[in-house]
């Protein structure tokens, strides 16, 4: 069962998995069962984790500063996404001077 963060991985292939972006770094969770079967458990933008072939990724070690920025940006993105309200148009019209 995926219980703790393992690290980060760079996507190098997405054949049959169009939801993955090549050259994008993803967070990875530790999952012994998935690893034994040749898969890796990856967290996507929604915060959900999914299994993908391990061959689609290369493990990468991020500097501590990058890890902190990653964590901070994830929290901001979630807040921003959830507080988005539909835009409303006003009835105001802009007129040009001289007409």
C-alpha atoms as a PDB file:
ATOM      1  CA  UNK A   1       0.000   0.000   0.000  1.00  0.00           C
ATOM      2  CA  UNK A   2       1.253   3.520  -0.823  1.00  0.00           C
ATOM      3  CA  UNK A   3       1.894   5.189   2.489  1.00  0.00           C
ATOM      4  CA  UNK A   4       4.827   7.553   2.213  1.00  0.00           C
ATOM      5  CA  UNK A   5       6.507   9.747  -0.349  1.00  0.00           C
ATOM      6  CA  UNK A   6       9.382   8.097  -2.160  1.00  0.00           C
ATOM      7  CA  UNK A   7      10.651  10.995  -4.207  1.00  0.00           C
ATOM      8  CA  UNK A   8      10.322  12.493  -7.631  1.00  0.00           C
ATOM      9  CA  UNK A   9      10.450  11.123 -11.153  1.00  0.00           C
ATOM     10  CA  UNK A  10      10.777  12.623 -14.607  1.00  0.00           C
ATOM     11  CA  UNK A  11       8.329  11.331 -17.211  1.00  0.00           C
ATOM     12  CA  UNK A  12      10.227  10.148 -20.299  1.00  0.00           C
ATOM     13  CA  UNK A  13       7.442   8.247 -22.086  1.00  0.00           C
ATOM     14  CA  UNK A  14       3.624   8.320 -22.103  1.00  0.00           C
ATOM     15  CA  UNK A  15       2.594   5.716 -24.698  1.00  0.00           C
ATOM     16  CA  UNK A  16      -1.050   4.906 -23.940  1.00  0.00           C
ATOM     17  CA  UNK A  17      -1.148   7.330 -20.992  1.00  0.00           C
ATOM     18  CA  UNK A  18      -2.011  10.695 -22.498  1.00  0.00           C
ATOM     19  CA  UNK A  19      -2.615  12.173 -19.037  1.00  0.00           C
ATOM     20  CA  UNK A  20       1.159  12.074 -18.437  1.00  0.00           C
ATOM     21  CA  UNK A  21       3.310  14.906 -19.757  1.00  0.00           C
ATOM     22  CA  UNK A  22       6.757  14.019 -21.088  1.00  0.00           C
ATOM     23  CA  UNK A  23       9.576  16.057 -19.445  1.00  0.00           C
ATOM     24  CA  UNK A  24       7.405  16.787 -16.401  1.00  0.00           C
ATOM     25  CA  UNK A  25       8.455  15.921 -12.841  1.00  0.00           C
ATOM     26  CA  UNK A  26       5.935  13.998 -10.731  1.00  0.00           C
ATOM     27  CA  UNK A  27       5.829  13.065  -7.057  1.00  0.00           C
ATOM     28  CA  UNK A  28       6.119   9.325  -6.446  1.00  0.00           C
ATOM     29  CA  UNK A  29       4.781   7.230  -3.550  1.00  0.00           C
ATOM     30  CA  UNK A  30       6.426   4.118  -2.149  1.00  0.00           C
ATOM     31  CA  UNK A  31       4.474   1.005  -3.171  1.00  0.00           C
ATOM     32  CA  UNK A  32       6.279  -2.358  -2.894  1.00  0.00           C
ATOM     33  CA  UNK A  33       3.503  -4.284  -4.640  1.00  0.00           C
ATOM     34  CA  UNK A  34       3.458  -1.950  -7.619  1.00  0.00           C
ATOM     35  CA  UNK A  35       7.262  -1.961  -7.878  1.00  0.00           C
ATOM     36  CA  UNK A  36       7.319  -5.770  -7.833  1.00  0.00           C
ATOM     37  CA  UNK A  37       4.917  -5.760 -10.794  1.00  0.00           C
ATOM     38  CA  UNK A  38       6.969  -3.158 -12.725  1.00  0.00           C
ATOM     39  CA  UNK A  39       4.829  -0.123 -11.914  1.00  0.00           C
ATOM     40  CA  UNK A  40       5.280   3.146 -10.062  1.00  0.00           C
ATOM     41  CA  UNK A  41       2.638   5.058  -8.092  1.00  0.00           C
ATOM     42  CA  UNK A  42       2.568   8.698  -9.285  1.00  0.00           C
ATOM     43  CA  UNK A  43       0.639  11.674  -7.904  1.00  0.00           C
ATOM     44  CA  UNK A  44      -0.972  13.862 -10.583  1.00  0.00           C
ATOM     45  CA  UNK A  45      -2.150  17.500 -10.493  1.00  0.00           C
ATOM     46  CA  UNK A  46      -5.416  16.563  -8.788  1.00  0.00           C
ATOM     47  CA  UNK A  47      -3.508  15.098  -5.853  1.00  0.00           C
ATOM     48  CA  UNK A  48      -4.663  11.560  -6.705  1.00  0.00           C
ATOM     49  CA  UNK A  49      -2.198   8.706  -7.221  1.00  0.00           C
ATOM     50  CA  UNK A  50      -2.212   6.289 -10.141  1.00  0.00           C
ATOM     51  CA  UNK A  51      -0.082   3.360 -11.309  1.00  0.00           C
ATOM     52  CA  UNK A  52       2.008   3.684 -14.468  1.00  0.00           C
ATOM     53  CA  UNK A  53       4.736   1.499 -15.990  1.00  0.00           C
ATOM     54  CA  UNK A  54       8.046   2.198 -14.220  1.00  0.00           C
ATOM     55  CA  UNK A  55       9.747   2.425 -17.624  1.00  0.00           C
ATOM     56  CA  UNK A  56       7.870   5.680 -18.245  1.00  0.00           C
ATOM     57  CA  UNK A  57       9.888   7.433 -15.511  1.00  0.00           C
ATOM     58  CA  UNK A  58      13.419   8.181 -14.397  1.00  0.00           C
ATOM     59  CA  UNK A  59      13.993   8.910 -10.710  1.00  0.00           C
ATOM     60  CA  UNK A  60      15.419  12.356  -9.976  1.00  0.00           C
ATOM     61  CA  UNK A  61      16.751  13.941  -6.802  1.00  0.00           C
ATOM     62  CA  UNK A  62      15.600  17.514  -6.338  1.00  0.00           C
ATOM     63  CA  UNK A  63      17.579  20.071  -4.338  1.00  0.00           C
ATOM     64  CA  UNK A  64      16.014  20.942  -0.967  1.00  0.00           C
ATOM     65  CA  UNK A  65      15.043  24.421  -2.213  1.00  0.00           C
ATOM     66  CA  UNK A  66      13.163  22.890  -5.162  1.00  0.00           C
ATOM     67  CA  UNK A  67      11.325  20.473  -2.844  1.00  0.00           C
ATOM     68  CA  UNK A  68      10.181  23.364  -0.638  1.00  0.00           C
ATOM     69  CA  UNK A  69       9.034  25.360  -3.683  1.00  0.00           C
ATOM     70  CA  UNK A  70       7.161  22.306  -5.008  1.00  0.00           C
ATOM     71  CA  UNK A  71       5.275  21.897  -1.733  1.00  0.00           C
ATOM     72  CA  UNK A  72       4.462  25.626  -1.482  1.00  0.00           C
ATOM     73  CA  UNK A  73       3.213  25.809  -5.078  1.00  0.00           C
ATOM     74  CA  UNK A  74       0.956  22.773  -4.672  1.00  0.00           C
ATOM     75  CA  UNK A  75      -0.851  24.411  -1.757  1.00  0.00           C
ATOM     76  CA  UNK A  76      -1.287  27.683  -3.637  1.00  0.00           C
ATOM     77  CA  UNK A  77      -2.626  25.926  -6.727  1.00  0.00           C
ATOM     78  CA  UNK A  78      -5.243  24.049  -4.701  1.00  0.00           C
ATOM     79  CA  UNK A  79      -6.391  27.220  -2.944  1.00  0.00           C
ATOM     80  CA  UNK A  80      -6.501  29.185  -6.160  1.00  0.00           C
ATOM     81  CA  UNK A  81      -8.441  26.471  -7.985  1.00  0.00           C
ATOM     82  CA  UNK A  82     -11.028  26.041  -5.251  1.00  0.00           C
ATOM     83  CA  UNK A  83     -11.710  29.752  -4.767  1.00  0.00           C
ATOM     84  CA  UNK A  84     -12.241  30.528  -8.432  1.00  0.00           C
ATOM     85  CA  UNK A  85     -15.649  32.064  -8.981  1.00  0.00           C
ATOM     86  CA  UNK A  86     -17.197  32.641 -12.399  1.00  0.00           C
ATOM     87  CA  UNK A  87     -16.463  36.016 -13.895  1.00  0.00           C
ATOM     88  CA  UNK A  88     -19.397  38.354 -14.287  1.00  0.00           C
ATOM     89  CA  UNK A  89     -19.705  40.976 -16.957  1.00  0.00           C
ATOM     90  CA  UNK A  90     -20.723  44.449 -16.012  1.00  0.00           C
ATOM     91  CA  UNK A  91     -23.093  46.543 -18.070  1.00  0.00           C
ATOM     92  CA  UNK A  92     -20.544  49.354 -18.360  1.00  0.00           C
ATOM     93  CA  UNK A  93     -19.582  50.478 -21.853  1.00  0.00           C
ATOM     94  CA  UNK A  94     -16.485  52.375 -22.779  1.00  0.00           C
ATOM     95  CA  UNK A  95     -17.054  55.327 -25.108  1.00  0.00           C
ATOM     96  CA  UNK A  96     -14.428  57.053 -27.198  1.00  0.00           C
ATOM     97  CA  UNK A  97     -14.002  60.748 -26.745  1.00  0.00           C
ATOM     98  CA  UNK A  98     -14.588  62.957 -29.803  1.00  0.00           C
ATOM     99  CA  UNK A  99     -17.611  61.089 -31.095  1.00  0.00           C
END
